[in-house]
Amino acid sequence: MLSDACIPTSYVIQIATKNGAQSMGISNFTGTIEKGKQADMLVLLSNPIENISNTQNIQMIINNGKVFDKNNLLLE
């Protein structure tokens, strides 16, 4: 994993989001949080910059403008 290679966590997140969208040619509408872009995102309980494994502490998911609480994901 990139974080195991001593790459700073903030860069690992950027590689997975912004750089990933750029490499796939879709950065005009996804990959960063900006006005006019798709707003699909995870809301986390813990800061992933402090520890990359905090990306697994999901509080909710926002997809196509609909909010999914982690406790209700299997019910919807």
Protein backbone atom coordinates (compact mmCIF):
# COMPACT_ATOMS: atom_id res chain seq x y z
CA MET A 1 0.00 0.00 0.00
CA LEU A 2 1.18 3.53 -0.68
CA SER A 3 1.10 4.53 2.98
CA ASP A 4 3.44 1.62 3.73
CA ALA A 5 5.92 3.20 1.29
CA CYS A 6 6.13 6.27 3.58
CA ILE A 7 4.07 8.43 1.22
CA PRO A 8 2.26 11.05 3.35
CA THR A 9 -1.37 10.14 3.99
CA SER A 10 -2.66 13.35 2.43
CA TYR A 11 -0.90 12.40 -0.82
CA VAL A 12 -2.32 8.87 -0.70
CA ILE A 13 -5.84 10.35 -0.50
CA GLN A 14 -5.07 12.75 -3.35
CA ILE A 15 -3.72 9.89 -5.48
CA ALA A 16 -6.94 7.93 -4.88
CA THR A 17 -9.28 10.84 -5.62
CA LYS A 18 -8.01 13.78 -7.64
CA ASN A 19 -5.19 11.98 -9.45
CA GLY A 20 -7.39 8.94 -10.08
CA ALA A 21 -10.05 11.09 -11.73
CA GLN A 22 -7.41 12.88 -13.82
CA SER A 23 -5.87 9.62 -15.02
CA MET A 24 -9.30 8.34 -16.08
CA GLY A 25 -10.16 11.60 -17.86
CA ILE A 26 -13.14 12.36 -15.62
CA SER A 27 -11.73 15.18 -13.49
CA ASN A 28 -14.12 17.72 -15.03
CA PHE A 29 -16.96 16.26 -12.97
CA THR A 30 -15.41 14.20 -10.15
CA GLY A 31 -12.27 13.73 -8.04
CA THR A 32 -12.42 16.95 -6.01
CA ILE A 33 -15.07 18.81 -4.04
CA GLU A 34 -15.99 21.80 -6.19
CA LYS A 35 -19.13 23.60 -7.28
CA GLY A 36 -20.67 21.87 -10.28
CA LYS A 37 -19.02 18.49 -9.69
CA GLN A 38 -20.67 15.28 -8.55
CA ALA A 39 -20.96 15.22 -4.80
CA ASP A 40 -20.54 11.51 -4.11
CA MET A 41 -18.47 11.19 -0.95
CA LEU A 42 -17.83 9.40 2.32
CA VAL A 43 -18.25 11.14 5.66
CA LEU A 44 -15.80 9.62 8.10
CA LEU A 45 -15.84 9.44 11.90
CA SER A 46 -12.06 9.84 12.18
CA ASN A 47 -9.44 11.86 10.36
CA PRO A 48 -7.81 9.79 7.60
CA ILE A 49 -4.81 12.13 7.54
CA GLU A 50 -3.95 10.94 11.06
CA ASN A 51 -4.25 7.27 10.10
CA ILE A 52 -5.15 5.93 6.65
CA SER A 53 -7.14 3.09 8.23
CA ASN A 54 -9.61 5.74 9.42
CA THR A 55 -11.03 5.59 5.89
CA GLN A 56 -12.82 2.48 7.16
CA ASN A 57 -14.64 4.46 9.90
CA ILE A 58 -17.55 5.48 7.68
CA GLN A 59 -20.38 7.50 9.21
CA MET A 60 -22.37 8.02 6.03
CA ILE A 61 -22.22 7.85 2.26
CA ILE A 62 -23.58 10.55 -0.03
CA ASN A 63 -24.36 9.18 -3.49
CA ASN A 64 -26.32 11.01 -6.19
CA GLY A 65 -27.52 13.47 -3.55
CA LYS A 66 -28.95 10.74 -1.32
CA VAL A 67 -27.53 10.26 2.19
CA PHE A 68 -27.01 6.71 3.46
CA ASP A 69 -26.31 6.32 7.17
CA LYS A 70 -23.92 3.44 7.92
CA ASN A 71 -26.39 1.89 10.34
CA ASN A 72 -29.08 1.69 7.66
CA LEU A 73 -27.01 0.65 4.65
CA LEU A 74 -28.14 -2.96 4.69
CA LEU A 75 -31.76 -1.95 5.21
CA GLU A 76 -32.04 0.26 2.11
